[in-house]
Protein backbone atom coordinates (compact mmCIF):
# COMPACT_ATOMS: atom_id res chain seq x y z
CA UNK A 1 0.04 -0.07 0.00
CA UNK A 2 1.41 3.44 -0.80
CA UNK A 3 2.60 5.39 2.19
CA UNK A 4 1.94 9.01 2.68
CA UNK A 5 4.87 11.02 4.36
CA UNK A 6 5.42 14.70 4.88
CA UNK A 7 7.54 16.99 6.95
CA UNK A 8 6.47 16.77 10.65
CA UNK A 9 4.51 13.51 10.28
CA UNK A 10 6.50 11.84 13.06
CA UNK A 11 5.45 14.57 15.37
CA UNK A 12 1.72 14.26 14.94
CA UNK A 13 1.01 10.55 14.46
CA UNK A 14 0.65 10.17 18.27
CA UNK A 15 -0.21 13.89 18.99
CA UNK A 16 -3.85 12.98 19.75
CA UNK A 17 -2.63 11.13 22.81
CA UNK A 18 -0.70 14.25 24.00
CA UNK A 19 -3.75 16.62 23.72
CA UNK A 20 -4.95 17.27 27.19
CA UNK A 21 -8.38 16.22 28.17
CA UNK A 22 -10.46 19.24 29.07
CA UNK A 23 -13.83 19.54 30.54
CA UNK A 24 -16.74 21.06 28.52
CA UNK A 25 -18.48 24.04 30.24
CA UNK A 26 -22.04 24.48 29.42
CA UNK A 27 -22.91 28.18 28.85
CA UNK A 28 -26.59 28.17 28.31
CA UNK A 29 -29.45 25.99 27.04
CA UNK A 30 -31.69 27.07 24.09
CA UNK A 31 -35.22 25.74 23.38
CA UNK A 32 -37.32 26.61 20.38
CA UNK A 33 -40.27 28.89 21.01
CA UNK A 34 -43.66 27.45 22.22
CA UNK A 35 -45.68 26.29 19.37
CA UNK A 36 -42.84 25.09 17.15
CA UNK A 37 -42.78 21.38 16.07
CA UNK A 38 -41.22 18.70 18.23
CA UNK A 39 -37.66 17.98 17.31
CA UNK A 40 -34.49 16.61 19.05
CA UNK A 41 -33.45 18.57 22.18
CA UNK A 42 -30.22 16.90 23.40
CA UNK A 43 -27.96 18.61 20.95
CA UNK A 44 -24.57 20.34 21.47
CA UNK A 45 -22.74 23.33 19.92
CA UNK A 46 -19.12 23.55 21.18
CA UNK A 47 -17.03 26.66 20.68
CA UNK A 48 -13.26 26.01 20.86
CA UNK A 49 -10.34 24.21 19.27
CA UNK A 50 -11.86 21.14 17.63
CA UNK A 51 -8.96 18.91 18.58
CA UNK A 52 -9.41 19.59 22.20
CA UNK A 53 -13.21 19.33 21.84
CA UNK A 54 -13.05 15.97 20.07
CA UNK A 55 -10.67 14.69 22.91
CA UNK A 56 -13.23 15.83 25.52
CA UNK A 57 -16.09 14.09 23.73
CA UNK A 58 -14.54 10.59 24.00
CA UNK A 59 -15.72 9.69 27.46
CA UNK A 60 -19.33 10.04 26.51
CA UNK A 61 -19.38 9.50 22.84
CA UNK A 62 -16.53 7.08 21.80
CA UNK A 63 -17.98 4.43 19.53
CA UNK A 64 -21.40 6.04 19.44
CA UNK A 65 -21.50 8.44 16.57
CA UNK A 66 -23.33 6.95 13.52
CA UNK A 67 -22.39 9.68 11.05
CA UNK A 68 -19.62 12.23 10.84
CA UNK A 69 -19.68 14.94 8.22
CA UNK A 70 -16.86 17.40 8.01
CA UNK A 71 -15.99 20.22 5.64
CA UNK A 72 -12.33 20.97 6.47
CA UNK A 73 -10.25 23.75 4.94
CA UNK A 74 -9.61 22.87 1.29
CA UNK A 75 -6.08 24.36 1.42
CA UNK A 76 -6.43 26.26 -1.80
CA UNK A 77 -4.11 28.96 -0.97
CA UNK A 78 -6.92 31.52 -1.46
CA UNK A 79 -8.14 31.38 2.23
CA UNK A 80 -6.43 32.12 5.50
CA UNK A 81 -6.55 29.48 8.24
CA UNK A 82 -4.52 29.07 11.47
CA UNK A 83 -2.95 25.93 12.71
CA UNK A 84 -2.61 25.96 16.39
CA UNK A 85 -1.67 22.44 17.50
CA UNK A 86 1.13 22.69 20.08
CA UNK A 87 3.59 20.28 18.54
CA UNK A 88 6.91 21.22 20.27
CA UNK A 89 9.62 20.65 17.60
CA UNK A 90 11.75 23.13 15.53
CA UNK A 91 10.44 21.47 12.31
CA UNK A 92 6.91 22.37 13.33
CA UNK A 93 7.46 25.83 14.80
CA UNK A 94 7.64 27.45 11.54
CA UNK A 95 3.96 26.65 11.00
CA UNK A 96 2.65 27.42 14.52
CA UNK A 97 0.72 30.65 14.74
CA UNK A 98 1.30 31.45 11.12
CA UNK A 99 -1.62 32.27 8.72
CA UNK A 100 -1.31 30.30 5.52
CA UNK A 101 -1.41 32.57 2.51
CA UNK A 102 -0.98 32.38 -1.26
CA UNK A 103 2.39 30.51 -1.67
CA UNK A 104 1.51 28.82 -4.88
CA UNK A 105 3.05 25.44 -4.93
CA UNK A 106 4.77 25.88 -1.55
CA UNK A 107 4.79 22.27 -0.24
CA UNK A 108 4.96 23.41 3.31
CA UNK A 109 1.32 24.42 3.07
CA UNK A 110 0.37 20.86 2.30
CA UNK A 111 2.59 19.50 5.00
CA UNK A 112 0.88 21.79 7.37
CA UNK A 113 -2.63 20.83 6.22
CA UNK A 114 -1.72 17.09 6.84
CA UNK A 115 -0.37 17.89 10.24
CA UNK A 116 -3.66 19.74 11.09
CA UNK A 117 -5.85 16.84 9.76
CA UNK A 118 -4.07 13.77 11.05
CA UNK A 119 -4.83 13.95 14.81
CA UNK A 120 -8.36 15.13 14.17
CA UNK A 121 -9.06 12.18 12.00
CA UNK A 122 -7.58 9.94 14.54
CA UNK A 123 -9.99 11.09 17.17
CA UNK A 124 -12.93 11.13 14.80
CA UNK A 125 -12.28 7.41 13.97
CA UNK A 126 -12.44 6.63 17.68
CA UNK A 127 -15.91 8.43 18.07
CA UNK A 128 -17.52 6.45 15.14
CA UNK A 129 -19.78 3.57 15.87
CA UNK A 130 -19.08 0.08 14.47
CA UNK A 131 -21.62 0.65 11.77
CA UNK A 132 -20.71 4.36 11.38
CA UNK A 133 -19.33 6.28 8.50
CA UNK A 134 -17.60 9.59 7.92
CA UNK A 135 -18.20 11.88 4.89
CA UNK A 136 -15.50 14.44 4.18
CA UNK A 137 -16.01 17.24 1.61
CA UNK A 138 -12.90 18.21 -0.29
CA UNK A 139 -11.79 19.48 -3.76
CA UNK A 140 -8.93 18.74 -6.09
CA UNK A 141 -6.33 20.46 -3.91
CA UNK A 142 -6.11 17.69 -1.28
CA UNK A 143 -8.25 14.87 -2.52
CA UNK A 144 -5.18 12.70 -3.44
CA UNK A 145 -3.44 13.25 -0.15
CA UNK A 146 -6.67 12.95 1.84
CA UNK A 147 -7.46 9.61 0.30
CA UNK A 148 -3.96 8.30 1.37
CA UNK A 149 -4.43 9.83 4.87
CA UNK A 150 -7.87 8.16 5.25
CA UNK A 151 -6.41 4.83 4.03
CA UNK A 152 -3.76 5.05 6.69
CA UNK A 153 -6.09 5.93 9.57
CA UNK A 154 -9.25 4.14 8.79
CA UNK A 155 -7.69 1.30 6.59
CA UNK A 156 -7.71 1.02 2.76
CA UNK A 157 -10.31 -1.66 3.03
CA UNK A 158 -12.71 0.75 4.85
CA UNK A 159 -13.12 2.92 1.75
CA UNK A 160 -16.79 3.13 0.54
CA UNK A 161 -16.84 5.61 -2.26
CA UNK A 162 -15.62 9.00 -3.61
CA UNK A 163 -18.82 10.79 -4.46
CA UNK A 164 -18.87 13.56 -7.04
CA UNK A 165 -20.93 16.62 -6.17
CA UNK A 166 -21.98 18.93 -8.99
CA UNK A 167 -21.38 22.29 -7.01
CA UNK A 168 -22.09 24.51 -9.97
CA UNK A 169 -24.74 24.63 -12.67
CA UNK A 170 -23.52 27.69 -14.58
CA UNK A 171 -20.33 27.54 -16.79
CA UNK A 172 -16.97 28.30 -15.27
CA UNK A 173 -14.80 29.96 -17.88
CA UNK A 174 -11.86 31.37 -15.81
CA UNK A 175 -9.70 28.26 -16.11
CA UNK A 176 -8.59 25.99 -18.97
CA UNK A 177 -11.27 23.57 -17.97
CA UNK A 178 -14.11 24.75 -15.90
CA UNK A 179 -14.30 23.47 -12.26
CA UNK A 180 -17.77 22.31 -11.64
CA UNK A 181 -17.49 19.63 -8.91
CA UNK A 182 -16.18 18.68 -5.50
CA UNK A 183 -15.88 15.41 -3.67
CA UNK A 184 -17.38 13.61 -0.71
CA UNK A 185 -14.90 10.97 0.44
CA UNK A 186 -16.76 8.19 2.43
CA UNK A 187 -15.18 5.58 4.85
CA UNK A 188 -16.87 3.21 7.16
CA UNK A 189 -15.56 1.60 10.33
CA UNK A 190 -17.01 -1.84 9.25
CA UNK A 191 -17.97 -1.66 5.53
CA UNK A 192 -20.07 -4.88 5.68
CA UNK A 193 -22.19 -3.35 8.57
CA UNK A 194 -22.50 -0.04 6.84
CA UNK A 195 -23.75 -1.74 3.73
CA UNK A 196 -26.27 -3.69 5.75
CA UNK A 197 -27.60 -0.62 7.60
CA UNK A 198 -27.37 2.13 4.87
CA UNK A 199 -30.59 3.38 3.66
CA UNK A 200 -31.68 3.84 0.01
CA UNK A 201 -32.46 7.22 -1.39
CA UNK A 202 -36.18 8.05 -1.73
CA UNK A 203 -37.16 7.98 -5.42
CA UNK A 204 -37.97 11.34 -6.92
CA UNK A 205 -40.51 12.28 -9.67
CA UNK A 206 -37.85 12.25 -12.40
CA UNK A 207 -36.91 8.70 -11.50
CA UNK A 208 -40.50 7.78 -11.17
CA UNK A 209 -41.43 8.89 -14.69
CA UNK A 210 -40.63 5.33 -16.02
CA UNK A 211 -43.49 4.05 -13.88
CA UNK A 212 -46.81 4.34 -15.90
CA UNK A 213 -50.24 2.85 -15.76
CA UNK A 214 -51.36 2.22 -19.44
CA UNK A 215 -53.93 -0.40 -18.40
CA UNK A 216 -55.51 1.45 -15.46
CA UNK A 217 -54.19 -1.05 -12.92
CA UNK A 218 -55.94 -0.40 -9.58
CA UNK A 219 -52.67 -0.89 -7.81
CA UNK A 220 -51.25 2.27 -9.58
CA UNK A 221 -48.27 3.02 -11.60
CA UNK A 222 -45.90 0.25 -12.57
CA UNK A 223 -43.03 -0.61 -14.92
CA UNK A 224 -41.94 -3.87 -16.57
CA UNK A 225 -38.67 -5.53 -15.32
CA UNK A 226 -36.97 -8.04 -17.59
CA UNK A 227 -37.15 -11.59 -16.26
CA UNK A 228 -33.82 -12.93 -17.55
CA UNK A 229 -30.59 -13.03 -15.75
CA UNK A 230 -27.05 -14.28 -16.20
CA UNK A 231 -26.95 -18.04 -15.73
CA UNK A 232 -23.63 -18.17 -13.86
CA UNK A 233 -25.18 -19.11 -10.57
CA UNK A 234 -28.59 -20.35 -11.78
CA UNK A 235 -30.35 -23.39 -10.29
CA UNK A 236 -32.11 -26.02 -12.42
CA UNK A 237 -35.67 -24.60 -11.58
CA UNK A 238 -34.61 -21.37 -13.41
CA UNK A 239 -34.68 -23.07 -16.87
CA UNK A 240 -38.11 -23.76 -18.09
CA UNK A 241 -40.48 -23.00 -20.96
CA UNK A 242 -43.08 -20.20 -20.70
CA UNK A 243 -46.19 -19.97 -22.86
CA UNK A 244 -47.48 -16.44 -23.46
CA UNK A 245 -51.37 -15.87 -23.57
CA UNK A 246 -50.92 -15.67 -27.44
CA UNK A 247 -49.44 -19.24 -27.33
CA UNK A 248 -45.98 -18.12 -28.21
CA UNK A 249 -43.34 -20.04 -26.22
CA UNK A 250 -40.29 -18.45 -24.58
CA UNK A 251 -37.04 -20.03 -23.13
CA UNK A 252 -33.94 -18.12 -21.89
CA UNK A 253 -31.29 -17.46 -24.49
CA UNK A 254 -27.87 -18.97 -24.26
CA UNK A 255 -26.03 -17.96 -21.16
CA UNK A 256 -29.15 -16.67 -19.54
CA UNK A 257 -31.75 -18.02 -17.14
CA UNK A 258 -35.07 -16.80 -15.73
CA UNK A 259 -34.77 -14.60 -12.76
CA UNK A 260 -37.67 -16.49 -10.96
CA UNK A 261 -38.01 -20.02 -10.17
CA UNK A 262 -41.01 -21.82 -11.95
CA UNK A 263 -42.94 -21.94 -8.75
CA UNK A 264 -42.54 -18.19 -8.12
CA UNK A 265 -43.27 -17.46 -11.74
CA UNK A 266 -46.57 -19.27 -11.62
CA UNK A 267 -47.52 -17.57 -8.39
CA UNK A 268 -46.63 -14.22 -9.92
CA UNK A 269 -48.68 -15.06 -13.03
CA UNK A 270 -51.71 -15.98 -11.02
CA UNK A 271 -51.34 -12.62 -9.14
CA UNK A 272 -51.31 -10.68 -12.47
CA UNK A 273 -47.69 -9.79 -11.98
CA UNK A 274 -46.41 -10.90 -15.35
CA UNK A 275 -46.58 -8.67 -18.42
CA UNK A 276 -46.42 -10.18 -21.85
CA UNK A 277 -46.82 -6.83 -23.76
CA UNK A 278 -50.00 -5.16 -24.96
CA UNK A 279 -50.76 -8.06 -27.41
CA UNK A 280 -49.82 -10.84 -25.04
CA UNK A 281 -47.04 -12.21 -27.29
CA UNK A 282 -43.91 -10.54 -25.92
CA UNK A 283 -41.15 -12.01 -23.73
CA UNK A 284 -42.40 -11.94 -20.04
CA UNK A 285 -41.52 -9.11 -17.64
CA UNK A 286 -42.29 -8.91 -13.97
CA UNK A 287 -44.60 -5.90 -12.94
CA UNK A 288 -43.01 -3.69 -10.41
CA UNK A 289 -45.37 -1.18 -8.74
CA UNK A 290 -44.13 2.31 -7.79
CA UNK A 291 -45.75 1.79 -4.39
CA UNK A 292 -43.50 -1.07 -3.66
CA UNK A 293 -40.24 0.90 -4.37
CA UNK A 294 -38.58 1.64 -1.14
CA UNK A 295 -35.90 3.74 -2.72
CA UNK A 296 -32.94 3.59 -5.02
CA UNK A 297 -29.29 2.54 -4.16
CA UNK A 298 -27.24 5.72 -3.79
CA UNK A 299 -24.78 6.44 -6.67
CA UNK A 300 -21.48 8.31 -6.56
CA UNK A 301 -22.85 11.06 -8.87
CA UNK A 302 -24.72 13.73 -6.98
CA UNK A 303 -26.14 16.28 -9.30
CA UNK A 304 -27.17 19.83 -8.22
CA UNK A 305 -30.69 19.20 -9.00
CA UNK A 306 -30.82 16.60 -6.22
CA UNK A 307 -28.56 18.00 -3.58
CA UNK A 308 -28.19 21.64 -4.26
CA UNK A 309 -25.20 23.90 -5.32
CA UNK A 310 -23.04 26.54 -3.89
CA UNK A 311 -25.32 29.24 -5.14
CA UNK A 312 -28.26 27.73 -3.32
CA UNK A 313 -26.23 27.34 -0.17
CA UNK A 314 -25.29 31.08 -0.17
CA UNK A 315 -28.99 32.08 -0.75
CA UNK A 316 -30.03 29.72 1.94
CA UNK A 317 -27.64 31.18 4.54
CA UNK A 318 -28.53 34.81 3.53
CA UNK A 319 -32.26 34.06 3.83
CA UNK A 320 -31.67 32.79 7.38
CA UNK A 321 -29.10 35.43 8.67
CA UNK A 322 -29.80 38.36 6.34
CA UNK A 323 -27.48 41.34 6.98
CA UNK A 324 -25.89 39.62 9.97
CA UNK A 325 -24.36 36.93 7.73
CA UNK A 326 -20.63 37.63 7.89
CA UNK A 327 -19.62 34.05 6.90
CA UNK A 328 -16.69 34.61 4.51
CA UNK A 329 -16.40 31.21 2.92
CA UNK A 330 -18.97 29.33 0.77
CA UNK A 331 -21.28 27.12 2.76
CA UNK A 332 -22.63 23.86 1.73
CA UNK A 333 -26.30 23.51 0.86
CA UNK A 334 -28.31 21.69 3.58
CA UNK A 335 -29.65 19.30 0.94
CA UNK A 336 -26.15 18.03 0.30
CA UNK A 337 -25.61 17.10 3.93
CA UNK A 338 -29.13 15.78 4.26
CA UNK A 339 -28.43 13.34 1.44
CA UNK A 340 -25.53 12.01 3.49
CA UNK A 341 -27.64 11.64 6.55
CA UNK A 342 -30.49 9.87 4.76
CA UNK A 343 -27.96 7.24 3.57
CA UNK A 344 -26.02 6.88 6.73
CA UNK A 345 -28.22 7.44 9.84
CA UNK A 346 -31.13 5.90 11.69
CA UNK A 347 -33.84 8.05 13.15
CA UNK A 348 -32.17 8.13 16.53
CA UNK A 349 -28.51 8.52 15.35
CA UNK A 350 -25.89 10.93 16.71
CA UNK A 351 -24.36 13.12 14.03
CA UNK A 352 -21.05 14.94 14.54
CA UNK A 353 -19.54 17.88 12.53
CA UNK A 354 -16.16 19.24 13.99
CA UNK A 355 -15.74 21.85 11.25
CA UNK A 356 -19.25 23.30 11.83
CA UNK A 357 -18.86 26.62 9.98
CA UNK A 358 -22.32 28.12 9.51
CA UNK A 359 -24.12 25.29 11.12
CA UNK A 360 -25.54 23.57 7.90
CA UNK A 361 -25.15 20.05 9.44
CA UNK A 362 -27.47 20.94 12.31
CA UNK A 363 -29.93 22.45 9.80
CA UNK A 364 -29.88 19.16 7.77
CA UNK A 365 -30.46 17.10 10.96
CA UNK A 366 -33.46 19.20 11.94
CA UNK A 367 -34.90 19.13 8.45
CA UNK A 368 -34.58 15.28 8.21
CA UNK A 369 -36.09 14.84 11.61
CA UNK A 370 -39.01 17.03 10.59
CA UNK A 371 -39.51 15.01 7.43
CA UNK A 372 -39.42 11.51 8.94
CA UNK A 373 -40.19 12.00 12.57
CA UNK A 374 -36.67 11.17 13.70
CA UNK A 375 -34.89 12.24 16.86
CA UNK A 376 -31.37 12.47 15.43
CA UNK A 377 -29.03 14.55 17.70
CA UNK A 378 -26.15 16.77 16.31
CA UNK A 379 -22.83 17.75 17.90
CA UNK A 380 -21.22 20.78 16.25
CA UNK A 381 -17.76 22.01 16.96
CA UNK A 382 -16.57 25.46 15.73
CA UNK A 383 -13.19 26.85 16.46
CA UNK A 384 -13.77 30.44 15.14
CA UNK A 385 -15.27 33.35 17.08
CA UNK A 386 -18.44 33.35 14.95
CA UNK A 387 -19.58 30.10 16.70
CA UNK A 388 -22.16 32.14 18.72
CA UNK A 389 -23.06 34.85 16.12
CA UNK A 390 -23.27 32.66 13.02
CA UNK A 391 -23.23 28.89 13.91
CA UNK A 392 -25.49 28.98 16.94
CA UNK A 393 -27.51 31.92 15.64
CA UNK A 394 -28.43 30.05 12.41
CA UNK A 395 -29.54 27.04 14.49
CA UNK A 396 -31.68 29.24 16.70
CA UNK A 397 -33.43 30.88 13.67
CA UNK A 398 -33.97 27.42 11.98
CA UNK A 399 -35.48 26.16 15.21
CA UNK A 400 -37.61 29.26 15.80
CA UNK A 401 -38.44 30.17 12.23
CA UNK A 402 -37.18 32.99 10.13
CA UNK A 403 -37.98 35.24 7.09
CA UNK A 404 -40.09 38.18 6.48
CA UNK A 405 -43.84 38.56 7.25
CA UNK A 406 -44.58 38.05 3.55
CA UNK A 407 -42.38 35.05 3.21
CA UNK A 408 -42.10 33.40 6.71
CA UNK A 409 -40.26 30.06 7.11
CA UNK A 410 -41.74 27.96 9.93
CA UNK A 411 -39.43 26.83 12.75
CA UNK A 412 -38.39 23.22 12.88
CA UNK A 413 -38.26 23.07 16.66
CA UNK A 414 -35.67 21.47 18.96
CA UNK A 415 -33.03 22.77 21.30
CA UNK A 416 -29.30 22.66 22.12
CA UNK A 417 -26.81 23.27 24.79
CA UNK A 418 -23.96 25.63 24.02
CA UNK A 419 -20.42 24.79 25.53
CA UNK A 420 -17.03 26.15 25.69
CA UNK A 421 -13.80 24.26 26.37
CA UNK A 422 -12.72 24.55 30.00
CA UNK A 423 -9.74 23.60 32.09
CA UNK A 424 -7.55 20.47 31.47
CA UNK A 425 -8.18 17.61 33.86
CA UNK A 426 -4.48 17.42 34.76
CA UNK A 427 -2.14 20.22 35.71
CA UNK A 428 1.24 21.05 34.21
CA UNK A 429 2.67 18.96 37.04
CA UNK A 430 0.38 16.01 36.06
CA UNK A 431 -1.66 16.37 39.11
CA UNK A 432 -5.51 16.39 39.22
CA UNK A 433 -6.76 19.78 38.53
CA UNK A 434 -9.25 20.37 41.43
CA UNK A 435 -10.84 23.32 39.61
CA UNK A 436 -12.58 20.94 37.14
CA UNK A 437 -14.67 19.51 40.00
CA UNK A 438 -15.06 16.05 41.44
CA UNK A 439 -17.91 15.01 39.06
CA UNK A 440 -15.73 15.49 35.99
CA UNK A 441 -12.76 13.69 37.47
CA UNK A 442 -15.04 10.67 38.43
CA UNK A 443 -16.51 10.69 34.82
CA UNK A 444 -13.02 10.63 33.32
CA UNK A 445 -11.79 7.81 35.60
CA UNK A 446 -14.98 5.70 34.89
CA UNK A 447 -14.28 6.12 31.15
CA UNK A 448 -10.66 5.11 31.47
CA UNK A 449 -11.73 2.05 33.43
CA UNK A 450 -14.16 1.13 30.66
CA UNK A 451 -17.25 1.19 33.06
CA UNK A 452 -20.34 1.06 30.91
CA UNK A 453 -22.74 4.01 31.45
CA UNK A 454 -25.47 1.70 32.86
CA UNK A 455 -22.95 0.39 35.42
CA UNK A 456 -21.91 3.86 36.75
CA UNK A 457 -23.47 5.42 39.73
CA UNK A 458 -23.64 8.93 41.14
CA UNK A 459 -22.07 9.96 44.42
CA UNK A 460 -25.41 9.84 46.30
CA UNK A 461 -25.69 6.09 45.74
CA UNK A 462 -26.47 3.95 48.94
CA UNK A 463 -23.21 2.08 49.06
CA UNK A 464 -20.60 4.89 49.24
CA UNK A 465 -20.08 8.38 47.77
CA UNK A 466 -16.81 6.99 46.45
CA UNK A 467 -18.36 4.09 44.37
CA UNK A 468 -17.83 4.79 40.67
CA UNK A 469 -19.73 1.81 39.39
CA UNK A 470 -20.16 -2.00 39.48
CA UNK A 471 -21.19 -5.00 37.70
CA UNK A 472 -21.42 -8.75 38.65
CA UNK A 473 -17.66 -9.02 38.35
CA UNK A 474 -16.09 -5.75 39.49
CA UNK A 475 -16.70 -2.81 41.76
CA UNK A 476 -14.77 0.47 41.28
CA UNK A 477 -14.14 3.10 43.92
CA UNK A 478 -12.64 6.49 43.60
CA UNK A 479 -11.42 7.57 47.17
CA UNK A 480 -10.54 11.16 46.44
CA UNK A 481 -10.91 14.22 48.47
CA UNK A 482 -9.59 17.63 47.03
CA UNK A 483 -8.47 18.97 50.49
CA UNK A 484 -6.78 15.98 52.07
CA UNK A 485 -4.88 12.86 51.13
CA UNK A 486 -6.82 9.50 51.29
CA UNK A 487 -5.66 6.09 52.41
CA UNK A 488 -6.96 2.58 51.59
CA UNK A 489 -7.10 0.96 54.92
CA UNK A 490 -9.44 -1.08 57.15
CA UNK A 491 -11.47 1.87 58.10
CA UNK A 492 -12.26 2.66 54.58
CA UNK A 493 -13.14 -0.86 53.81
CA UNK A 494 -15.54 -1.11 56.72
CA UNK A 495 -17.28 2.07 55.70
CA UNK A 496 -18.44 0.67 52.34
CA UNK A 497 -21.54 -1.52 52.29
CA UNK A 498 -21.09 -3.17 49.04
CA UNK A 499 -23.54 -6.13 49.49
CA UNK A 500 -22.79 -9.03 47.25
CA UNK A 501 -18.99 -9.00 46.96
CA UNK A 502 -17.77 -8.95 43.42
CA UNK A 503 -14.77 -10.98 42.41
CA UNK A 504 -12.65 -7.93 42.12
CA UNK A 505 -12.78 -4.53 43.77
CA UNK A 506 -10.59 -1.68 42.30
CA UNK A 507 -9.95 1.21 44.62
CA UNK A 508 -8.35 4.52 43.70
CA UNK A 509 -6.72 6.40 46.57
CA UNK A 510 -3.53 8.39 47.45
CA UNK A 511 -1.94 5.62 49.29
CA UNK A 512 -2.54 1.99 50.45
CA UNK A 513 -1.92 0.82 54.04
CA UNK A 514 -2.99 -2.77 53.47
CA UNK A 515 -0.52 -5.68 52.88
CA UNK A 516 -0.25 -7.17 49.45
CA UNK A 517 -1.29 -10.59 50.88
CA UNK A 518 -4.49 -9.17 52.29
CA UNK A 519 -5.24 -7.39 48.96
CA UNK A 520 -4.69 -10.56 47.00
CA UNK A 521 -6.81 -12.73 49.34
CA UNK A 522 -9.71 -10.32 49.24
CA UNK A 523 -9.64 -9.57 45.50
CA UNK A 524 -8.67 -5.96 45.97
CA UNK A 525 -6.58 -3.86 43.49
CA UNK A 526 -5.14 -0.57 44.52
CA UNK A 527 -4.55 2.22 42.05
CA UNK A 528 -2.72 5.31 43.14
CA UNK A 529 -4.07 8.86 42.47
CA UNK A 530 -2.93 10.45 40.11
CA UNK A 531 -0.27 8.03 38.96
CA UNK A 532 -2.46 5.12 37.92
CA UNK A 533 -5.23 7.19 36.24
CA UNK A 534 -4.87 6.38 32.56
CA UNK A 535 -4.14 9.04 30.01
CA UNK A 536 -5.62 8.67 26.58
């Protein structure tokens, strides 16, 4: 397999492990106005560095996100974007804090883009569910490098498709060959699960035109489907003679077979599902009714008529934000992202966008929920300062409704919590940061221990305020006090009323005063605070 390498790669391949875990601070909760439709409420918008935000989402959402859509910087040289990952190496310092400008074919620009993307994709991969998929918008500037990067992080065998989106419908005459498309690169964690769970696209009227009703069939419009198939894997009961109403006889041609067994054919014929042409003397076809069509398999070609274009996206955002729209890059149309969600999500899925921009992904989630009654939830992360004034404001207006009195657009309902990124869990001296609060520390330790959410307990449980969680095999205690050291001793053991004793009891404390022999005989495991708290 080809290997992608670039200046600074060795400094970022494990950088996602070095990013400090930070708590997320909820700033406010927004709920749509009374009278708006019911829609999902447990949504999040996070303002802050998306690398730190992704790291902070792991304890709650690792392996739970069904669909990720991201629209990262295209690295065209025509926009400015800031790389602010703290990779402490002289090779990397030349990029830190610099704004990338028009350097033509300056390869350092591509190196820098890859350094920015690598750790973020590593964390996004961890957040995806086993049947989840990621859709990445990109253009020709980085499509080749992104494909190799995704192959390395997700695995070449996890590639699903490289969809082509027709972003423009008017002619582009500025270049030697007009640029009319972009890409959506799609990878799945487990392709076989993605294929089994992915949805078909609803059929539109253009596709439905082939369904007619020339005989006024009470079941509605239909189309004839040829009955023959390639005979490579045919069974003996797919070779038989068929007599048409006119008396004309038909058998499959060489190398072909009937697509139906003889028994199934006779049943379909009795049900009026076989069509021999208007004169009853043509080769048989199966009648397929439009009402039976669940949808069509998605293709890699997404024309603008079906999923929108950049002009539509700009007008859509302007209609929502009006004169307050200060978004200086071209957004994506909500129909484009909605198509991805139609394919890749269930009605109750979690959707993540860590390059949220103008909030189009949230808009698409709310629209799709309104259409099919779903409760999909979104998580948006936006680094730039417009997270509140553009990203969140768009979502608020979409939920409440917008437009003029003459052309109002009804709200879609719903709500979200707005977060900022707070303090790190560990100090520079690698000690627990008491400022984040005990609850945040407990949640982090429970995550590092792999305690399932249903096995975790709150501090007001009847056993002990130090109990983290338990199952039939193991109980976990986090014996921590911010203002004094704690010791695992007989007094502590006698204070906990654990009931049916599990096979193993794991206890975090500052020190242990019990002998190793006693610990072993009683199935106790001591973990020292903070040394034995895992970093991830």
